[in-house]
Amino acid sequence: MKSFLSETDTLLAIRKYCRKAKGMKAALALITRSGLHQVEKELEQLLVRGGEVQVLLGVDMATEPEAIEELLALEQHYADRMAIRRFVTETMQTFHPKAWIFSFQSGPAVAIVGSSNLTAGGLGRNYEANVRVDAARVVGEIEEFFDELFEGGRAKHIDMLWRESYRELWKQQRAARMKIDRLQNGVKLIRTRRAVRTTAPTRIREHSFAFTGGIAGWPRELKLYPTVKKYGGNVLEVEGLKKAECLVHGDIRGGRQTTRKLRAARRDGIDIISQSDFFRILTNEMRLRKRNRPVRSTQR
C-alpha cells in the first residue's frame, strides 16, 4: 500500500498505470472535462493497445455533460473494448466512490481509492487523500464491488433522450451550484478573518517571520526571504523560531519536519498563519508603502 497525499502523485500514478494496463475499471462520482483531459491521452492509448475500459459514473454531483459526451465518443470508437454506464440512486442517496482498478498482462492488479474525483481540482489543486492498494485480496474485493454495481440494476446505459434531459437539468443545477459557491466563499472569508489572531502582524515592516512547508513559485532564498527583507521584515530560521512573531505554513506539505515545527510553535504560543494570510499581510504592506511614497513634483 502506498499513500498519495499530493494530488500530482495521484495523477501521475493514474497515468502510469493506464500506460501499462491491459484493463481499467473506474467508479467515479464526478467527472469534468478539465479532469478527463488530464488522463484522456493515456486512456486512449490503453484502448489503442487493445485494452478494455469500463467507467461507472455518477450524476448526483453533476458530472459535466461535455465530459459524458467525450467518454461516449471514445466508447463509440472503441465499442468492443469500452463501456460507459451511469449509476442511478434513490432519493437522499449519493453515488460517491472514487476508485480505479488496473489489471496487467503480468503482475498483480492494483487499485487507487480515495477522495479525488476526475476533476482538475481533484487531481491538481484540492486537498485530497488517496492510497494505492496492491494486496490481492483487497484489490479483488474492490473489483467485486465495482463489477456488481456495473452489472447491477442501477447501472444504466446512456441514450440520447437521457442526455438531452440531463443537459437541461445540469444547466439549472449549475446555476444553483454557483450560488452555493458564492455562499461558501463567504464562509471562507469569515474563517479567514477569525483565523488570524490580533497578536499576528498586519505588516511586514519591523516584524519577524518564520516559514515552514513550501509556497509554489516562491523559492525561499531566491524570492520569499528577499521580499520580506525588502519590505523591512526579518526572517528567522529554525534556531530562531522562538523569537518569531508568527510561523507561516506553506501549502506544499513538508512532512514530519514541518509538523515538528508547527507543534513547537503551538507549544511556544507562536501564531501560525497560512500562506494566504501571509500574502494578505504582504499586500497590505505594499499598499501602505505605495500610499506613503512621496509624490514627485511635476513643476519645473
Protein backbone atom coordinates (compact mmCIF):
# COMPACT_ATOMS: atom_id res chain seq x y z
CA MET A 1 0.00 0.00 0.00
CA LYS A 2 1.22 3.49 -0.79
CA SER A 3 -0.26 6.85 0.16
CA PHE A 4 -0.77 9.64 -2.38
CA LEU A 5 -1.08 12.81 -0.32
CA SER A 6 -0.16 15.06 -3.22
CA GLU A 7 -2.74 15.45 -5.98
CA THR A 8 0.11 15.41 -8.50
CA ASP A 9 1.22 12.00 -7.21
CA THR A 10 -2.30 10.63 -7.73
CA LEU A 11 -2.47 11.96 -11.28
CA LEU A 12 0.98 10.62 -12.17
CA ALA A 13 0.07 7.20 -10.80
CA ILE A 14 -3.17 7.03 -12.81
CA ARG A 15 -1.31 7.99 -15.98
CA LYS A 16 1.46 5.48 -15.26
CA TYR A 17 -0.93 2.58 -14.74
CA CYS A 18 -3.00 3.50 -17.79
CA ARG A 19 0.15 3.29 -19.89
CA LYS A 20 0.92 -0.22 -18.59
CA ALA A 21 -2.52 -1.74 -18.04
CA LYS A 22 -4.42 -4.24 -20.15
CA GLY A 23 -7.65 -3.21 -18.42
CA MET A 24 -9.03 -0.36 -16.34
CA LYS A 25 -12.24 -0.04 -14.36
CA ALA A 26 -13.26 3.20 -12.67
CA ALA A 27 -16.19 4.18 -10.46
CA LEU A 28 -16.23 7.98 -10.29
CA ALA A 29 -18.70 10.25 -8.54
CA LEU A 30 -17.86 13.36 -10.54
CA ILE A 31 -16.18 13.93 -13.90
CA THR A 32 -15.44 17.23 -15.61
CA ARG A 33 -13.90 17.91 -19.00
CA SER A 34 -10.86 19.51 -17.39
CA GLY A 35 -10.36 16.41 -15.26
CA LEU A 36 -10.92 13.99 -18.12
CA HIS A 37 -8.38 15.85 -20.24
CA GLN A 38 -5.75 15.11 -17.57
CA VAL A 39 -5.87 11.38 -18.39
CA GLU A 40 -7.60 11.20 -21.79
CA LYS A 41 -4.40 10.65 -23.74
CA GLU A 42 -3.33 7.69 -21.59
CA LEU A 43 -6.87 6.30 -21.61
CA GLU A 44 -6.99 6.27 -25.39
CA GLN A 45 -3.53 4.74 -25.60
CA LEU A 46 -4.78 1.89 -23.42
CA LEU A 47 -7.66 1.32 -25.84
CA VAL A 48 -5.41 1.55 -28.91
CA ARG A 49 -3.25 -1.23 -27.44
CA GLY A 50 -6.33 -3.44 -27.24
CA GLY A 51 -7.03 -2.86 -23.57
CA GLU A 52 -10.51 -2.76 -22.05
CA VAL A 53 -12.11 0.12 -20.15
CA GLN A 54 -15.25 0.28 -18.03
CA VAL A 55 -16.44 3.51 -16.40
CA LEU A 56 -19.33 3.80 -13.98
CA LEU A 57 -20.07 7.48 -13.49
CA GLY A 58 -22.20 9.38 -11.04
CA VAL A 59 -24.56 12.22 -11.86
CA ASP A 60 -25.65 13.13 -8.32
CA MET A 61 -22.72 15.55 -8.14
CA ALA A 62 -23.38 16.99 -11.60
CA THR A 63 -20.87 15.32 -13.89
CA GLU A 64 -20.45 17.68 -16.85
CA PRO A 65 -22.48 16.78 -19.96
CA GLU A 66 -19.45 17.59 -22.14
CA ALA A 67 -17.36 15.07 -20.20
CA ILE A 68 -20.04 12.44 -20.75
CA GLU A 69 -20.11 13.22 -24.47
CA GLU A 70 -16.35 12.83 -24.76
CA LEU A 71 -16.45 9.48 -22.96
CA LEU A 72 -19.30 8.31 -25.20
CA ALA A 73 -17.31 9.34 -28.29
CA LEU A 74 -14.48 7.10 -27.10
CA GLU A 75 -16.96 4.32 -26.38
CA GLN A 76 -18.39 4.58 -29.88
CA HIS A 77 -14.94 4.47 -31.46
CA TYR A 78 -13.82 1.50 -29.34
CA ALA A 79 -17.21 -0.18 -28.96
CA ASP A 80 -15.76 -3.65 -28.49
CA ARG A 81 -13.44 -2.59 -25.66
CA MET A 82 -15.09 0.26 -23.77
CA ALA A 83 -18.34 0.58 -21.84
CA ILE A 84 -19.77 3.64 -20.05
CA ARG A 85 -22.73 3.47 -17.69
CA ARG A 86 -24.39 5.89 -15.28
CA PHE A 87 -25.44 4.98 -11.75
CA VAL A 88 -28.97 5.77 -10.57
CA THR A 89 -29.52 6.33 -6.84
CA GLU A 90 -32.62 6.65 -4.70
CA THR A 91 -33.80 9.93 -3.22
CA MET A 92 -31.46 11.13 -0.43
CA GLN A 93 -28.67 8.88 -1.75
CA THR A 94 -25.46 9.93 -3.50
CA PHE A 95 -23.15 7.88 -5.69
CA HIS A 96 -19.83 8.88 -4.15
CA PRO A 97 -16.98 6.40 -4.86
CA LYS A 98 -13.63 7.30 -6.43
CA ALA A 99 -11.96 4.02 -7.29
CA TRP A 100 -9.66 2.95 -10.11
CA ILE A 101 -8.72 -0.70 -10.74
CA PHE A 102 -5.89 -1.61 -13.13
CA SER A 103 -5.05 -5.09 -14.40
CA PHE A 104 -1.86 -6.02 -16.26
CA GLN A 105 -0.55 -8.70 -18.62
CA SER A 106 1.83 -9.80 -15.89
CA GLY A 107 1.93 -8.94 -12.24
CA PRO A 108 -0.81 -8.26 -9.71
CA ALA A 109 -3.64 -5.80 -10.20
CA VAL A 110 -3.64 -2.51 -8.28
CA ALA A 111 -6.35 -0.11 -7.18
CA ILE A 112 -6.31 3.60 -6.37
CA VAL A 113 -9.00 4.59 -3.90
CA GLY A 114 -9.55 7.89 -2.14
CA SER A 115 -11.19 11.27 -2.30
CA SER A 116 -10.14 12.57 -5.73
CA ASN A 117 -12.84 12.97 -8.34
CA LEU A 118 -11.86 13.10 -12.01
CA THR A 119 -11.70 16.89 -11.99
CA ALA A 120 -8.93 19.46 -12.33
CA GLY A 121 -9.36 20.24 -8.64
CA GLY A 122 -9.36 16.61 -7.56
CA LEU A 123 -6.16 15.92 -9.49
CA GLY A 124 -4.48 19.27 -9.05
CA ARG A 125 -5.42 21.91 -6.50
CA ASN A 126 -7.69 20.45 -3.82
CA TYR A 127 -6.71 18.83 -0.54
CA GLU A 128 -7.14 15.12 -1.27
CA ALA A 129 -6.02 11.80 0.19
CA ASN A 130 -5.68 8.61 -1.87
CA VAL A 131 -3.99 5.25 -1.49
CA ARG A 132 -2.69 2.66 -3.90
CA VAL A 133 -3.78 -0.81 -2.86
CA ASP A 134 -1.82 -3.80 -4.13
CA ALA A 135 -2.83 -6.55 -1.71
CA ALA A 136 -4.52 -9.14 -3.95
CA ARG A 137 -7.38 -9.84 -1.56
CA VAL A 138 -8.28 -6.19 -1.08
CA VAL A 139 -7.97 -5.33 -4.77
CA GLY A 140 -10.18 -8.33 -5.50
CA GLU A 141 -12.83 -7.08 -3.09
CA ILE A 142 -12.77 -3.62 -4.68
CA GLU A 143 -13.13 -5.15 -8.14
CA GLU A 144 -16.03 -7.31 -6.98
CA PHE A 145 -17.68 -4.19 -5.59
CA PHE A 146 -17.26 -2.45 -8.94
CA ASP A 147 -18.42 -5.43 -11.02
CA GLU A 148 -21.62 -5.88 -9.02
CA LEU A 149 -22.50 -2.20 -9.34
CA PHE A 150 -21.55 -2.08 -13.03
CA GLU A 151 -23.62 -5.14 -13.92
CA GLY A 152 -26.42 -4.34 -11.46
CA GLY A 153 -29.86 -2.84 -11.77
CA ARG A 154 -28.79 0.72 -11.01
CA ALA A 155 -26.20 0.86 -13.81
CA LYS A 156 -27.92 2.30 -16.87
CA HIS A 157 -26.86 2.82 -20.47
CA ILE A 158 -26.71 6.43 -21.62
CA ASP A 159 -29.03 7.12 -24.56
CA MET A 160 -29.81 10.30 -26.48
CA LEU A 161 -33.09 11.03 -24.70
CA TRP A 162 -31.44 10.87 -21.29
CA ARG A 163 -28.55 13.04 -22.46
CA GLU A 164 -30.85 15.80 -23.71
CA SER A 165 -32.88 15.83 -20.49
CA TYR A 166 -29.79 15.70 -18.32
CA ARG A 167 -28.15 18.61 -20.11
CA GLU A 168 -31.13 20.89 -19.36
CA LEU A 169 -31.26 19.87 -15.71
CA TRP A 170 -27.49 20.22 -15.43
CA LYS A 171 -27.76 23.87 -16.52
CA GLN A 172 -30.24 24.52 -13.71
CA GLN A 173 -28.08 22.64 -11.25
CA ARG A 174 -25.04 24.62 -12.33
CA ALA A 175 -26.82 27.90 -11.61
CA ALA A 176 -27.70 26.64 -8.14
CA ARG A 177 -24.13 25.44 -7.68
CA MET A 178 -22.75 28.89 -8.48
CA LYS A 179 -24.98 30.39 -5.78
CA ILE A 180 -23.76 27.80 -3.28
CA ASP A 181 -20.15 28.55 -4.28
CA ARG A 182 -20.69 32.23 -3.51
CA LEU A 183 -22.04 31.33 -0.08
CA GLN A 184 -19.11 29.01 0.58
CA ASN A 185 -16.67 31.74 -0.40
CA GLY A 186 -18.37 33.96 2.15
CA VAL A 187 -17.82 31.29 4.79
CA LYS A 188 -14.14 31.08 3.84
CA LEU A 189 -13.77 34.83 4.36
CA ILE A 190 -15.34 34.58 7.81
CA ARG A 191 -12.93 31.80 8.74
CA THR A 192 -10.02 33.79 7.37
CA ARG A 193 -10.80 36.88 9.39
CA ARG A 194 -11.16 34.87 12.58
CA ALA A 195 -8.16 32.66 11.93
CA VAL A 196 -5.61 35.46 12.33
CA ARG A 197 -5.31 36.38 15.99
CA THR A 198 -4.85 40.00 16.93
CA THR A 199 -1.26 39.28 18.01
CA ALA A 200 -0.24 38.28 14.47
CA PRO A 201 1.45 41.03 12.42
CA THR A 202 -0.58 43.07 9.99
CA ARG A 203 2.55 44.42 8.29
CA ILE A 204 5.90 43.09 7.10
CA ARG A 205 7.90 46.10 8.28
CA GLU A 206 9.67 45.62 11.63
CA HIS A 207 8.14 42.18 12.17
CA SER A 208 9.74 38.73 12.32
CA PHE A 209 8.56 35.74 10.30
CA ALA A 210 9.50 32.08 10.20
CA PHE A 211 8.41 29.70 7.45
CA THR A 212 7.66 26.00 7.12
CA GLY A 213 6.31 23.95 4.25
CA GLY A 214 6.68 25.35 0.75
CA ILE A 215 4.96 28.04 -1.31
CA ALA A 216 4.62 27.36 -5.03
CA GLY A 217 6.51 29.87 -7.13
CA TRP A 218 8.21 31.38 -4.10
CA PRO A 219 11.60 29.69 -3.53
CA ARG A 220 12.78 30.81 -0.13
CA GLU A 221 16.31 32.00 -0.79
CA LEU A 222 15.61 33.45 -4.25
CA LYS A 223 12.28 35.20 -3.74
CA LEU A 224 10.49 34.75 -0.43
CA TYR A 225 13.18 35.84 2.02
CA PRO A 226 14.39 38.76 -0.16
CA THR A 227 10.81 40.02 -0.44
CA VAL A 228 10.34 40.01 3.34
CA LYS A 229 13.64 41.86 3.79
CA LYS A 230 12.81 44.30 1.01
CA TYR A 231 9.75 45.46 2.93
CA GLY A 232 11.62 45.80 6.22
CA GLY A 233 10.81 42.44 7.77
CA ASN A 234 13.05 39.87 9.44
CA VAL A 235 13.30 36.17 8.54
CA LEU A 236 14.14 33.69 11.28
CA GLU A 237 15.36 30.17 10.61
CA VAL A 238 14.68 27.12 12.80
CA GLU A 239 17.09 28.14 15.54
CA GLY A 240 15.33 31.49 15.89
CA LEU A 241 11.78 30.16 15.79
CA LYS A 242 11.02 31.12 19.38
CA LYS A 243 11.70 34.77 18.53
CA ALA A 244 9.39 34.82 15.50
CA GLU A 245 6.09 36.66 15.77
CA CYS A 246 4.42 34.11 13.55
CA LEU A 247 5.15 30.93 11.63
CA VAL A 248 3.93 30.91 8.01
CA HIS A 249 2.73 27.45 6.96
CA GLY A 250 3.06 26.95 3.18
CA ASP A 251 0.60 24.79 1.27
CA ILE A 252 3.30 22.49 -0.13
CA ARG A 253 3.50 19.88 2.59
CA GLY A 254 6.85 19.17 4.20
CA GLY A 255 6.06 16.05 6.20
CA ARG A 256 7.35 15.31 9.68
CA GLN A 257 9.87 18.13 9.77
CA THR A 258 7.11 20.66 9.09
CA THR A 259 4.85 19.03 11.66
CA ARG A 260 7.58 19.27 14.31
CA LYS A 261 7.99 22.99 13.66
CA LEU A 262 4.22 23.53 13.80
CA ARG A 263 3.96 21.69 17.11
CA ALA A 264 6.90 23.64 18.53
CA ALA A 265 5.28 26.92 17.52
CA ARG A 266 1.98 25.95 19.15
CA ARG A 267 3.79 24.86 22.29
CA ASP A 268 5.61 28.20 22.48
CA GLY A 269 2.48 30.25 21.80
CA ILE A 270 3.65 31.49 18.39
CA ASP A 271 0.94 32.43 15.91
CA ILE A 272 0.64 30.05 12.95
CA ILE A 273 -0.76 31.57 9.78
CA SER A 274 -1.41 30.18 6.31
CA GLN A 275 0.38 31.33 3.18
CA SER A 276 -2.84 33.12 2.21
CA ASP A 277 -2.71 35.06 5.50
CA PHE A 278 0.91 35.95 4.79
CA PHE A 279 0.16 37.24 1.30
CA ARG A 280 -2.64 39.41 2.69
CA ILE A 281 -0.10 40.92 5.07
CA LEU A 282 2.34 41.42 2.19
CA THR A 283 -0.36 43.03 0.05
CA ASN A 284 -1.25 45.36 2.91
CA GLU A 285 2.43 46.31 3.30
CA MET A 286 2.76 47.03 -0.41
CA ARG A 287 -0.40 49.15 -0.35
CA LEU A 288 0.81 51.16 2.64
CA ARG A 289 4.24 51.60 1.06
CA LYS A 290 2.64 52.92 -2.12
CA ARG A 291 0.34 55.26 -0.18
CA ASN A 292 3.20 56.74 1.84
CA ARG A 293 5.52 57.15 -1.13
CA PRO A 294 6.37 60.86 -1.70
CA VAL A 295 4.68 62.35 -4.74
CA ARG A 296 7.13 63.72 -7.25
CA SER A 297 6.57 67.30 -8.29
CA THR A 298 5.74 67.85 -11.95
CA GLN A 299 6.68 71.54 -11.79
CA ARG A 300 9.81 72.72 -13.48
